[in-house]
Amino acid sequence: MNRHMIVPYLMGQRRSRLMRVCELGAQSWDVIEAPECTATEIADRNEQMRSMGHVYARLAARVREVAAAGDRPVSIAGDCISTLGMLAGLQQARREPQRILWLDAHGDFHTWNTTRTYYLGGMPLAMLVGRPDRRRAARDSVLALRYTVGCLPYPEEKVLLSDARDLDPGEDEALRESRVQCCSIDEILPHLSPEETLYVHFDTDVVDAEKRCRR
């Protein structure tokens, strides 16, 4: 049975309007709350990382309960970094997926070493597979975040990324040198097996509305 969860945060910042999702459909929603995280804007990057740690640790705990009970966790969140909480919960319930399908228009594979914008939302897949934080003379904040959430690095070769049509300089090179498998939307099925357990990450920006309108 599917168990639906809503995480009303955007990278550690409270976004109460996401709760409107609960109005959709007849299913009930578990709301993942972090009472200590109420700020809607966080300017300090380290404080933002700490807030995300609190939020996604709570998500991981709920996913662990759901998966351990034999149910299927389904989560809607304000950002892609929430996948750390989803994967951590599955790992803690001994239900780590044998494959991750990452559907996204972007690669999400930046690290502090490649990013030009320092936007955390461009880093979640790199975080998930354990890419190191390479800033000089600074703490490894990504490692600290994964530790707080309880997420172990996931093997790169078990990740299938599609379609990632919008890659930045440095990010594209990092992906080419990685063991992450990349393919177009039309090429997904041959890479999957019905014998494997699968975790699907879906970012709505993978839908190419302009392309759909041309058809």
Protein backbone atom coordinates (compact mmCIF):
# COMPACT_ATOMS: atom_id res chain seq x y z
CA MET A 1 0.00 0.00 0.00
CA ASN A 2 1.20 3.53 -0.80
CA ARG A 3 1.74 5.88 2.15
CA HIS A 4 1.79 9.53 1.12
CA MET A 5 3.98 12.16 2.78
CA ILE A 6 4.28 15.90 2.26
CA VAL A 7 7.44 17.81 3.23
CA PRO A 8 6.46 21.52 3.33
CA TYR A 9 10.00 22.89 3.14
CA LEU A 10 12.26 24.30 0.44
CA MET A 11 15.86 23.48 1.35
CA GLY A 12 15.21 23.91 5.05
CA GLN A 13 12.93 26.91 4.67
CA ARG A 14 9.27 26.56 5.62
CA ARG A 15 6.81 26.64 2.69
CA SER A 16 3.32 26.21 4.15
CA ARG A 17 1.64 26.63 0.77
CA LEU A 18 2.90 23.18 -0.19
CA MET A 19 0.28 21.88 2.21
CA ARG A 20 -2.28 22.55 -0.52
CA VAL A 21 -1.20 19.20 -1.98
CA CYS A 22 -3.16 17.58 0.85
CA GLU A 23 -6.33 18.83 -0.81
CA LEU A 24 -5.69 16.65 -3.85
CA GLY A 25 -7.30 13.22 -4.04
CA ALA A 26 -8.95 11.19 -1.34
CA GLN A 27 -5.79 9.72 0.22
CA SER A 28 -4.50 10.87 3.58
CA TRP A 29 -1.13 12.62 3.90
CA ASP A 30 1.52 12.37 6.60
CA VAL A 31 2.92 15.86 7.14
CA ILE A 32 6.63 15.86 7.96
CA GLU A 33 7.13 18.64 10.48
CA ALA A 34 10.32 19.90 12.10
CA PRO A 35 9.10 22.18 14.94
CA GLU A 36 12.53 23.77 15.33
CA CYS A 37 12.54 24.83 11.64
CA THR A 38 10.05 27.67 11.18
CA ALA A 39 12.08 30.25 9.22
CA THR A 40 10.84 31.02 5.72
CA GLU A 41 14.13 32.62 4.66
CA ILE A 42 17.62 31.52 5.76
CA ALA A 43 20.51 33.64 4.52
CA ASP A 44 23.36 31.75 6.18
CA ARG A 45 24.35 28.68 4.13
CA ASN A 46 25.52 26.63 7.11
CA GLU A 47 22.31 27.35 9.02
CA GLN A 48 20.35 26.28 5.97
CA MET A 49 22.24 22.99 5.87
CA ARG A 50 21.52 22.43 9.56
CA SER A 51 17.82 23.10 9.00
CA MET A 52 17.74 20.61 6.13
CA GLY A 53 19.38 18.07 8.38
CA HIS A 54 16.56 18.38 10.93
CA VAL A 55 13.83 18.17 8.27
CA TYR A 56 15.22 15.24 6.32
CA ALA A 57 16.13 13.28 9.44
CA ARG A 58 12.44 13.41 10.37
CA LEU A 59 11.50 12.35 6.84
CA ALA A 60 13.95 9.44 7.09
CA ALA A 61 12.42 8.31 10.37
CA ARG A 62 8.93 8.26 8.87
CA VAL A 63 10.07 6.49 5.69
CA ARG A 64 11.81 3.86 7.85
CA GLU A 65 8.55 3.18 9.72
CA VAL A 66 6.52 2.95 6.51
CA ALA A 67 9.01 0.72 4.68
CA ALA A 68 9.54 -1.55 7.71
CA ALA A 69 5.77 -2.09 7.81
CA GLY A 70 5.89 -3.31 4.20
CA ASP A 71 4.25 -0.24 2.68
CA ARG A 72 5.52 1.96 -0.15
CA PRO A 73 6.55 5.53 0.82
CA VAL A 74 5.56 8.27 -1.63
CA SER A 75 6.77 11.78 -0.89
CA ILE A 76 6.17 15.24 -2.32
CA ALA A 77 8.69 17.86 -1.23
CA GLY A 78 9.80 21.36 -2.10
CA ASP A 79 13.26 20.34 -3.31
CA CYS A 80 15.28 17.41 -4.63
CA ILE A 81 17.63 17.23 -1.64
CA SER A 82 14.77 15.55 0.23
CA THR A 83 15.86 12.37 -1.55
CA LEU A 84 18.53 12.05 1.16
CA GLY A 85 15.74 11.52 3.69
CA MET A 86 13.87 9.10 1.45
CA LEU A 87 16.95 6.98 0.75
CA ALA A 88 18.10 7.10 4.38
CA GLY A 89 14.74 5.78 5.57
CA LEU A 90 14.82 2.95 3.04
CA GLN A 91 18.38 2.06 4.02
CA GLN A 92 17.52 2.06 7.71
CA ALA A 93 14.57 -0.27 7.03
CA ARG A 94 16.92 -2.56 5.05
CA ARG A 95 14.96 -1.74 1.90
CA GLU A 96 17.61 0.08 -0.12
CA PRO A 97 16.53 0.04 -3.80
CA GLN A 98 18.57 -1.90 -6.32
CA ARG A 99 18.21 0.95 -8.82
CA ILE A 100 17.41 4.67 -8.70
CA LEU A 101 15.71 6.30 -11.69
CA TRP A 102 16.35 10.05 -11.50
CA LEU A 103 13.99 11.97 -13.82
CA ASP A 104 15.11 15.58 -14.05
CA ALA A 105 15.79 18.23 -16.68
CA HIS A 106 19.00 19.01 -14.77
CA GLY A 107 21.88 16.83 -13.73
CA ASP A 108 21.79 17.88 -10.05
CA PHE A 109 25.43 16.81 -10.04
CA HIS A 110 27.24 19.96 -8.94
CA THR A 111 29.60 20.04 -5.99
CA TRP A 112 31.14 23.08 -4.31
CA ASN A 113 34.08 22.46 -6.65
CA THR A 114 32.06 22.84 -9.87
CA THR A 115 29.22 25.22 -9.04
CA ARG A 116 29.30 28.86 -10.09
CA THR A 117 26.08 29.85 -8.35
CA TYR A 118 26.51 27.94 -5.05
CA TYR A 119 22.87 26.90 -5.39
CA LEU A 120 22.27 23.87 -3.16
CA GLY A 121 19.39 22.72 -5.38
CA GLY A 122 21.92 21.86 -8.09
CA MET A 123 23.74 19.32 -5.89
CA PRO A 124 21.35 16.59 -4.63
CA LEU A 125 22.37 13.71 -6.91
CA ALA A 126 26.03 14.40 -6.20
CA MET A 127 25.20 14.40 -2.49
CA LEU A 128 23.27 11.15 -2.81
CA VAL A 129 26.18 9.22 -4.34
CA GLY A 130 28.72 10.65 -1.90
CA ARG A 131 30.62 13.14 -4.04
CA PRO A 132 33.03 14.96 -1.68
CA ASP A 133 32.83 18.58 -0.65
CA ARG A 134 36.08 19.98 -2.06
CA ARG A 135 36.14 23.48 -0.63
CA ARG A 136 39.51 24.36 0.83
CA ALA A 137 39.94 25.11 4.53
CA ALA A 138 36.28 24.40 5.23
CA ARG A 139 34.29 21.64 6.89
CA ASP A 140 32.65 19.04 4.68
CA SER A 141 29.10 20.34 5.08
CA VAL A 142 27.64 17.75 2.70
CA LEU A 143 29.12 14.90 4.72
CA ALA A 144 27.72 16.51 7.88
CA LEU A 145 24.28 16.73 6.27
CA ARG A 146 24.32 13.08 5.20
CA TYR A 147 25.47 12.06 8.68
CA THR A 148 22.63 13.99 10.34
CA VAL A 149 20.06 12.47 8.01
CA GLY A 150 21.62 9.01 8.26
CA CYS A 151 22.06 8.53 4.50
CA LEU A 152 24.85 6.28 3.23
CA PRO A 153 26.31 7.04 -0.23
CA TYR A 154 24.49 5.21 -3.00
CA PRO A 155 26.54 3.44 -5.75
CA GLU A 156 26.84 5.66 -8.83
CA GLU A 157 26.56 2.76 -11.27
CA LYS A 158 23.08 1.96 -9.95
CA VAL A 159 21.73 5.42 -10.84
CA LEU A 160 19.96 5.99 -14.15
CA LEU A 161 19.66 9.70 -14.99
CA SER A 162 17.16 10.90 -17.59
CA ASP A 163 16.92 13.31 -19.37
CA ALA A 164 19.29 15.95 -17.93
CA ARG A 165 19.03 18.16 -21.00
CA ASP A 166 20.27 21.26 -19.14
CA LEU A 167 23.79 20.70 -17.80
CA ASP A 168 26.23 23.38 -16.65
CA PRO A 169 29.95 23.57 -17.44
CA GLY A 170 31.84 21.44 -14.95
CA GLU A 171 28.71 19.47 -14.10
CA ASP A 172 28.64 17.87 -17.56
CA GLU A 173 32.28 16.83 -17.23
CA ALA A 174 31.70 15.41 -13.75
CA LEU A 175 28.82 13.30 -15.06
CA ARG A 176 30.85 12.00 -18.01
CA GLU A 177 33.63 10.92 -15.66
CA SER A 178 31.20 9.32 -13.19
CA ARG A 179 29.61 5.87 -13.31
CA VAL A 180 26.09 7.32 -13.41
CA GLN A 181 24.20 5.99 -16.43
CA CYS A 182 22.56 8.70 -18.56
CA CYS A 183 19.91 8.25 -21.21
CA SER A 184 16.99 9.94 -22.92
CA ILE A 185 13.40 9.42 -21.80
CA ASP A 186 12.80 7.06 -24.72
CA GLU A 187 15.73 4.84 -23.70
CA ILE A 188 14.78 4.20 -20.07
CA LEU A 189 13.05 0.81 -20.24
CA PRO A 190 15.99 -1.23 -21.64
CA HIS A 191 18.04 -0.13 -18.62
CA LEU A 192 15.53 -1.45 -16.08
CA SER A 193 14.68 -4.96 -14.96
CA PRO A 194 11.39 -6.17 -13.46
CA GLU A 195 13.52 -8.18 -11.03
CA GLU A 196 15.01 -5.05 -9.45
CA THR A 197 13.52 -2.88 -6.75
CA LEU A 198 13.29 0.68 -8.03
CA TYR A 199 13.20 4.12 -6.43
CA VAL A 200 11.81 6.75 -8.79
CA HIS A 201 12.74 10.40 -8.27
CA PHE A 202 10.58 12.72 -10.39
CA ASP A 203 11.22 16.44 -10.80
CA THR A 204 8.38 18.10 -12.69
CA ASP A 205 10.82 20.12 -14.80
CA VAL A 206 11.58 16.94 -16.74
CA VAL A 207 8.27 17.54 -18.53
CA ASP A 208 9.07 19.56 -21.64
CA ALA A 209 5.86 21.55 -22.08
CA GLU A 210 7.13 23.37 -25.16
CA LYS A 211 7.98 20.10 -26.89
CA ARG A 212 4.60 18.63 -26.00
CA CYS A 213 2.85 21.65 -27.55
CA ARG A 214 4.71 21.19 -30.83
CA ARG A 215 3.42 17.63 -31.25
